[in-house]
Amino acid sequence: MKTEFKLSEADRAAMAAADAAHIAHERAEDVKRQAVLQEVKRVVSAEVYTDIVEELTADGYTFDYQIASSPKGQEQYGGAAWGKHYVDQTTNGGYTGDEYAGTVSIPLGDGRYFQFSYTM
């Protein structure tokens, strides 16, 4: 005999409230991301900004955008227009061998860094 599971009205209300809170949080984070990206765009060349946007959209999920006063991680050089940057990779392969996570810091000049976290 199959038992049908039914949510109570209280459960439905709790789920709706949790969904609304999550949506509000994501909207607030998007406003913050856009403000940080506008500052980055203001201080770097068009080529560097284009490379940054490509990096943000190509490598999984990026979050926690900020302008920092010091970098995280080890200094690295890449083929991107910004050249030197810093990476603090906290997950290098993970249990399955294909999980990566960490923080990237890109110099903006004047002792400031565009910093974001990633997971893929």
N, C-alpha and C. Protein backbone atom coordinates (compact mmCIF):
# COMPACT_ATOMS: atom_id res chain seq x y z
N MET A 1 0.83 -1.17 0.00
CA MET A 1 0.00 0.00 0.00
C MET A 1 0.89 1.25 0.00
N LYS A 2 0.59 2.16 -0.88
CA LYS A 2 1.35 3.39 -1.02
C LYS A 2 0.75 4.48 -0.12
N THR A 3 1.62 5.10 0.68
CA THR A 3 1.17 6.19 1.55
C THR A 3 1.51 7.50 0.88
N GLU A 4 0.52 8.36 0.76
CA GLU A 4 0.73 9.66 0.14
C GLU A 4 1.17 10.68 1.19
N PHE A 5 2.20 11.41 0.86
CA PHE A 5 2.72 12.43 1.78
C PHE A 5 2.09 13.76 1.43
N LYS A 6 1.57 14.46 2.40
CA LYS A 6 0.96 15.77 2.19
C LYS A 6 1.60 16.78 3.14
N LEU A 7 1.94 17.92 2.59
CA LEU A 7 2.48 19.00 3.42
C LEU A 7 1.35 19.71 4.15
N SER A 8 1.63 20.09 5.37
CA SER A 8 0.65 20.88 6.12
C SER A 8 0.72 22.32 5.65
N GLU A 9 -0.27 23.09 5.98
CA GLU A 9 -0.27 24.52 5.64
C GLU A 9 0.90 25.24 6.31
N ALA A 10 1.24 24.84 7.53
CA ALA A 10 2.38 25.43 8.23
C ALA A 10 3.68 25.13 7.49
N ASP A 11 3.82 23.90 6.99
CA ASP A 11 5.02 23.54 6.21
C ASP A 11 5.08 24.35 4.92
N ARG A 12 3.95 24.48 4.24
CA ARG A 12 3.91 25.28 3.00
C ARG A 12 4.29 26.73 3.28
N ALA A 13 3.76 27.29 4.35
CA ALA A 13 4.08 28.67 4.70
C ALA A 13 5.56 28.83 5.04
N ALA A 14 6.12 27.86 5.77
CA ALA A 14 7.54 27.91 6.12
C ALA A 14 8.40 27.82 4.87
N MET A 15 8.03 26.96 3.93
CA MET A 15 8.79 26.83 2.69
C MET A 15 8.70 28.11 1.85
N ALA A 16 7.52 28.71 1.79
CA ALA A 16 7.35 29.96 1.04
C ALA A 16 8.18 31.08 1.67
N ALA A 17 8.21 31.14 2.99
CA ALA A 17 9.02 32.16 3.68
C ALA A 17 10.50 31.95 3.43
N ALA A 18 10.94 30.69 3.45
CA ALA A 18 12.35 30.40 3.18
C ALA A 18 12.70 30.76 1.74
N ASP A 19 11.81 30.46 0.80
CA ASP A 19 12.06 30.83 -0.60
C ASP A 19 12.15 32.34 -0.75
N ALA A 20 11.25 33.07 -0.12
CA ALA A 20 11.26 34.53 -0.20
C ALA A 20 12.54 35.11 0.41
N ALA A 21 12.99 34.56 1.51
CA ALA A 21 14.23 35.04 2.14
C ALA A 21 15.43 34.76 1.23
N HIS A 22 15.44 33.60 0.61
CA HIS A 22 16.55 33.26 -0.30
C HIS A 22 16.57 34.21 -1.50
N ILE A 23 15.43 34.49 -2.07
CA ILE A 23 15.34 35.40 -3.22
C ILE A 23 15.79 36.80 -2.81
N ALA A 24 15.36 37.27 -1.65
CA ALA A 24 15.78 38.59 -1.17
C ALA A 24 17.29 38.65 -0.96
N HIS A 25 17.85 37.59 -0.38
CA HIS A 25 19.31 37.53 -0.17
C HIS A 25 20.05 37.57 -1.51
N GLU A 26 19.60 36.80 -2.47
CA GLU A 26 20.26 36.78 -3.79
C GLU A 26 20.16 38.14 -4.48
N ARG A 27 19.04 38.81 -4.34
CA ARG A 27 18.90 40.15 -4.93
C ARG A 27 19.87 41.14 -4.27
N ALA A 28 19.98 41.08 -2.95
CA ALA A 28 20.92 41.96 -2.24
C ALA A 28 22.35 41.66 -2.65
N GLU A 29 22.70 40.39 -2.79
CA GLU A 29 24.04 40.01 -3.23
C GLU A 29 24.31 40.50 -4.65
N ASP A 30 23.31 40.44 -5.51
CA ASP A 30 23.49 40.91 -6.88
C ASP A 30 23.75 42.42 -6.92
N VAL A 31 23.04 43.16 -6.08
CA VAL A 31 23.29 44.61 -6.00
C VAL A 31 24.73 44.86 -5.56
N LYS A 32 25.19 44.12 -4.57
CA LYS A 32 26.57 44.25 -4.08
C LYS A 32 27.57 43.89 -5.18
N ARG A 33 27.32 42.76 -5.88
CA ARG A 33 28.22 42.34 -6.97
C ARG A 33 28.32 43.42 -8.04
N GLN A 34 27.18 43.98 -8.43
CA GLN A 34 27.18 45.00 -9.47
C GLN A 34 27.93 46.26 -9.03
N ALA A 35 27.79 46.65 -7.78
CA ALA A 35 28.51 47.82 -7.27
C ALA A 35 30.02 47.59 -7.30
N VAL A 36 30.45 46.40 -6.88
CA VAL A 36 31.89 46.07 -6.90
C VAL A 36 32.39 46.05 -8.34
N LEU A 37 31.64 45.43 -9.24
CA LEU A 37 32.08 45.38 -10.65
C LEU A 37 32.14 46.77 -11.28
N GLN A 38 31.25 47.66 -10.90
CA GLN A 38 31.31 49.03 -11.42
C GLN A 38 32.60 49.72 -10.98
N GLU A 39 33.00 49.50 -9.72
CA GLU A 39 34.25 50.08 -9.24
C GLU A 39 35.44 49.47 -9.98
N VAL A 40 35.42 48.16 -10.19
CA VAL A 40 36.50 47.50 -10.94
C VAL A 40 36.56 48.08 -12.34
N LYS A 41 35.43 48.21 -13.00
CA LYS A 41 35.39 48.74 -14.36
C LYS A 41 35.93 50.17 -14.42
N ARG A 42 35.67 50.92 -13.37
CA ARG A 42 36.12 52.32 -13.32
C ARG A 42 37.64 52.44 -13.27
N VAL A 43 38.33 51.48 -12.62
CA VAL A 43 39.76 51.64 -12.37
C VAL A 43 40.68 50.79 -13.26
N VAL A 44 40.13 49.87 -14.05
CA VAL A 44 40.98 49.05 -14.91
C VAL A 44 40.69 49.37 -16.37
N SER A 45 41.58 48.93 -17.23
CA SER A 45 41.38 49.15 -18.67
C SER A 45 40.22 48.28 -19.17
N ALA A 46 39.71 48.63 -20.34
CA ALA A 46 38.62 47.86 -20.94
C ALA A 46 39.05 46.41 -21.18
N GLU A 47 40.30 46.21 -21.58
CA GLU A 47 40.80 44.85 -21.84
C GLU A 47 40.83 44.02 -20.55
N VAL A 48 41.33 44.61 -19.48
CA VAL A 48 41.38 43.90 -18.20
C VAL A 48 39.97 43.60 -17.72
N TYR A 49 39.07 44.55 -17.82
CA TYR A 49 37.69 44.34 -17.38
C TYR A 49 37.04 43.20 -18.17
N THR A 50 37.25 43.19 -19.48
CA THR A 50 36.71 42.11 -20.31
C THR A 50 37.23 40.76 -19.86
N ASP A 51 38.52 40.67 -19.58
CA ASP A 51 39.11 39.41 -19.09
C ASP A 51 38.53 39.00 -17.73
N ILE A 52 38.31 39.98 -16.87
CA ILE A 52 37.73 39.68 -15.55
C ILE A 52 36.32 39.11 -15.72
N VAL A 53 35.51 39.75 -16.54
CA VAL A 53 34.14 39.27 -16.75
C VAL A 53 34.14 37.87 -17.36
N GLU A 54 35.05 37.62 -18.29
CA GLU A 54 35.15 36.28 -18.88
C GLU A 54 35.54 35.26 -17.82
N GLU A 55 36.45 35.62 -16.95
CA GLU A 55 36.86 34.71 -15.87
C GLU A 55 35.69 34.41 -14.93
N LEU A 56 34.91 35.43 -14.62
CA LEU A 56 33.78 35.26 -13.70
C LEU A 56 32.70 34.36 -14.29
N THR A 57 32.52 34.41 -15.59
CA THR A 57 31.45 33.63 -16.22
C THR A 57 31.90 32.26 -16.69
N ALA A 58 33.19 32.02 -16.78
CA ALA A 58 33.69 30.76 -17.36
C ALA A 58 33.95 29.67 -16.33
N ASP A 59 34.17 30.02 -15.10
CA ASP A 59 34.71 29.07 -14.14
C ASP A 59 33.75 28.69 -13.02
N GLY A 60 32.58 28.24 -13.34
CA GLY A 60 31.69 27.77 -12.29
C GLY A 60 30.98 28.90 -11.58
N TYR A 61 30.79 28.76 -10.29
CA TYR A 61 30.04 29.72 -9.48
C TYR A 61 31.00 30.65 -8.76
N THR A 62 30.83 31.95 -8.96
CA THR A 62 31.66 32.94 -8.27
C THR A 62 30.77 33.74 -7.32
N PHE A 63 31.36 34.16 -6.21
CA PHE A 63 30.58 34.85 -5.19
C PHE A 63 31.52 35.66 -4.29
N ASP A 64 30.93 36.41 -3.37
CA ASP A 64 31.65 37.21 -2.39
C ASP A 64 32.59 38.22 -3.05
N TYR A 65 32.07 38.96 -4.02
CA TYR A 65 32.86 40.00 -4.68
C TYR A 65 33.14 41.11 -3.70
N GLN A 66 34.39 41.59 -3.69
CA GLN A 66 34.74 42.69 -2.81
C GLN A 66 36.01 43.38 -3.29
N ILE A 67 36.21 44.57 -2.81
CA ILE A 67 37.47 45.28 -3.00
C ILE A 67 38.22 45.11 -1.68
N ALA A 68 39.37 44.45 -1.75
CA ALA A 68 40.14 44.13 -0.55
C ALA A 68 41.43 44.95 -0.51
N SER A 69 41.98 45.10 0.69
CA SER A 69 43.22 45.86 0.85
C SER A 69 44.46 44.96 0.83
N SER A 70 44.25 43.66 0.83
CA SER A 70 45.38 42.73 0.72
C SER A 70 44.91 41.48 -0.01
N PRO A 71 45.82 40.84 -0.74
CA PRO A 71 45.43 39.64 -1.49
C PRO A 71 45.40 38.40 -0.63
N LYS A 72 44.70 37.38 -1.10
CA LYS A 72 44.72 36.07 -0.47
C LYS A 72 45.45 35.12 -1.41
N GLY A 73 46.27 34.25 -0.85
CA GLY A 73 46.87 33.19 -1.65
C GLY A 73 48.26 33.48 -2.15
N GLN A 74 48.65 32.62 -3.06
CA GLN A 74 49.99 32.67 -3.64
C GLN A 74 49.97 33.46 -4.94
N GLU A 75 51.03 34.19 -5.15
CA GLU A 75 51.16 34.98 -6.38
C GLU A 75 51.28 34.05 -7.58
N GLN A 76 50.55 34.38 -8.64
CA GLN A 76 50.59 33.61 -9.88
C GLN A 76 50.58 34.56 -11.06
N TYR A 77 51.03 34.05 -12.19
CA TYR A 77 50.99 34.80 -13.44
C TYR A 77 50.18 34.00 -14.43
N GLY A 78 49.31 34.65 -15.15
CA GLY A 78 48.49 33.94 -16.13
C GLY A 78 48.48 34.67 -17.44
N GLY A 79 47.76 34.12 -18.38
CA GLY A 79 47.68 34.69 -19.71
C GLY A 79 46.67 35.82 -19.83
N ALA A 80 45.97 36.12 -18.76
CA ALA A 80 44.96 37.17 -18.79
C ALA A 80 45.61 38.55 -18.84
N ALA A 81 44.83 39.52 -19.24
CA ALA A 81 45.33 40.90 -19.38
C ALA A 81 45.84 41.48 -18.07
N TRP A 82 45.33 40.99 -16.94
CA TRP A 82 45.76 41.58 -15.66
C TRP A 82 47.10 41.05 -15.20
N GLY A 83 47.63 39.99 -15.79
CA GLY A 83 48.95 39.48 -15.43
C GLY A 83 48.99 38.86 -14.05
N LYS A 84 49.78 39.45 -13.16
CA LYS A 84 49.95 38.92 -11.80
C LYS A 84 48.62 38.94 -11.05
N HIS A 85 48.36 37.86 -10.32
CA HIS A 85 47.20 37.78 -9.45
C HIS A 85 47.51 36.77 -8.34
N TYR A 86 46.59 36.58 -7.44
CA TYR A 86 46.80 35.69 -6.30
C TYR A 86 45.66 34.68 -6.24
N VAL A 87 46.01 33.45 -5.90
CA VAL A 87 44.99 32.39 -5.78
C VAL A 87 45.20 31.65 -4.47
N ASP A 88 44.12 31.51 -3.73
CA ASP A 88 44.10 30.70 -2.52
C ASP A 88 43.12 29.56 -2.79
N GLN A 89 43.64 28.45 -3.31
CA GLN A 89 42.78 27.33 -3.67
C GLN A 89 42.59 26.44 -2.44
N THR A 90 41.39 26.44 -1.91
CA THR A 90 41.11 25.70 -0.68
C THR A 90 40.68 24.26 -0.94
N THR A 91 40.17 23.98 -2.12
CA THR A 91 39.81 22.61 -2.52
C THR A 91 40.50 22.34 -3.85
N ASN A 92 41.35 21.33 -3.87
CA ASN A 92 42.12 21.02 -5.07
C ASN A 92 41.82 19.60 -5.52
N GLY A 93 40.68 19.42 -6.14
CA GLY A 93 40.30 18.10 -6.63
C GLY A 93 39.20 17.47 -5.80
N GLY A 94 39.26 17.66 -4.50
CA GLY A 94 38.24 17.10 -3.63
C GLY A 94 38.17 15.59 -3.68
N TYR A 95 37.15 15.04 -3.10
CA TYR A 95 36.97 13.60 -3.01
C TYR A 95 36.83 12.96 -4.39
N THR A 96 36.11 13.63 -5.28
CA THR A 96 35.86 13.06 -6.61
C THR A 96 36.95 13.40 -7.61
N GLY A 97 37.84 14.29 -7.25
CA GLY A 97 38.92 14.67 -8.16
C GLY A 97 38.58 15.79 -9.12
N ASP A 98 37.35 16.27 -9.09
CA ASP A 98 36.98 17.34 -10.00
C ASP A 98 36.29 18.52 -9.32
N GLU A 99 36.60 18.72 -8.05
CA GLU A 99 36.05 19.83 -7.30
C GLU A 99 37.15 20.82 -6.96
N TYR A 100 36.90 22.06 -7.25
CA TYR A 100 37.88 23.12 -6.96
C TYR A 100 37.16 24.30 -6.34
N ALA A 101 37.80 24.94 -5.37
CA ALA A 101 37.22 26.11 -4.72
C ALA A 101 38.35 26.95 -4.16
N GLY A 102 38.09 28.24 -4.02
CA GLY A 102 39.09 29.12 -3.44
C GLY A 102 38.75 30.57 -3.65
N THR A 103 39.78 31.40 -3.59
CA THR A 103 39.65 32.85 -3.73
C THR A 103 40.69 33.36 -4.70
N VAL A 104 40.30 34.31 -5.54
CA VAL A 104 41.20 34.96 -6.48
C VAL A 104 41.26 36.44 -6.11
N SER A 105 42.46 37.01 -6.13
CA SER A 105 42.66 38.44 -5.88
C SER A 105 43.41 39.03 -7.07
N ILE A 106 42.82 40.03 -7.71
CA ILE A 106 43.41 40.67 -8.88
C ILE A 106 43.78 42.11 -8.51
N PRO A 107 45.05 42.50 -8.67
CA PRO A 107 45.46 43.86 -8.31
C PRO A 107 44.71 44.92 -9.13
N LEU A 108 44.26 45.96 -8.44
CA LEU A 108 43.61 47.09 -9.09
C LEU A 108 44.49 48.33 -9.07
N GLY A 109 45.59 48.27 -8.33
CA GLY A 109 46.42 49.45 -8.12
C GLY A 109 46.07 50.11 -6.80
N ASP A 110 46.93 51.00 -6.36
CA ASP A 110 46.73 51.73 -5.09
C ASP A 110 46.50 50.79 -3.91
N GLY A 111 47.12 49.61 -3.92
CA GLY A 111 47.00 48.68 -2.81
C GLY A 111 45.63 48.04 -2.66
N ARG A 112 44.85 48.03 -3.73
CA ARG A 112 43.51 47.42 -3.68
C ARG A 112 43.45 46.23 -4.63
N TYR A 113 42.57 45.29 -4.30
CA TYR A 113 42.43 44.05 -5.07
C TYR A 113 40.96 43.74 -5.27
N PHE A 114 40.62 43.35 -6.50
CA PHE A 114 39.30 42.78 -6.73
C PHE A 114 39.40 41.33 -6.30
N GLN A 115 38.58 40.96 -5.34
CA GLN A 115 38.67 39.63 -4.76
C GLN A 115 37.31 38.93 -4.88
N PHE A 116 37.35 37.67 -5.29
CA PHE A 116 36.12 36.88 -5.36
C PHE A 116 36.44 35.42 -5.05
N SER A 117 35.42 34.73 -4.59
CA SER A 117 35.55 33.30 -4.31
C SER A 117 34.91 32.52 -5.46
N TYR A 118 35.33 31.28 -5.61
CA TYR A 118 34.79 30.45 -6.68
C TYR A 118 34.65 29.01 -6.20
N THR A 119 33.78 28.31 -6.87
CA THR A 119 33.65 26.87 -6.68
C THR A 119 33.23 26.28 -8.01
N MET A 120 33.83 25.16 -8.33
CA MET A 120 33.47 24.48 -9.59
C MET A 120 33.63 23.00 -9.43
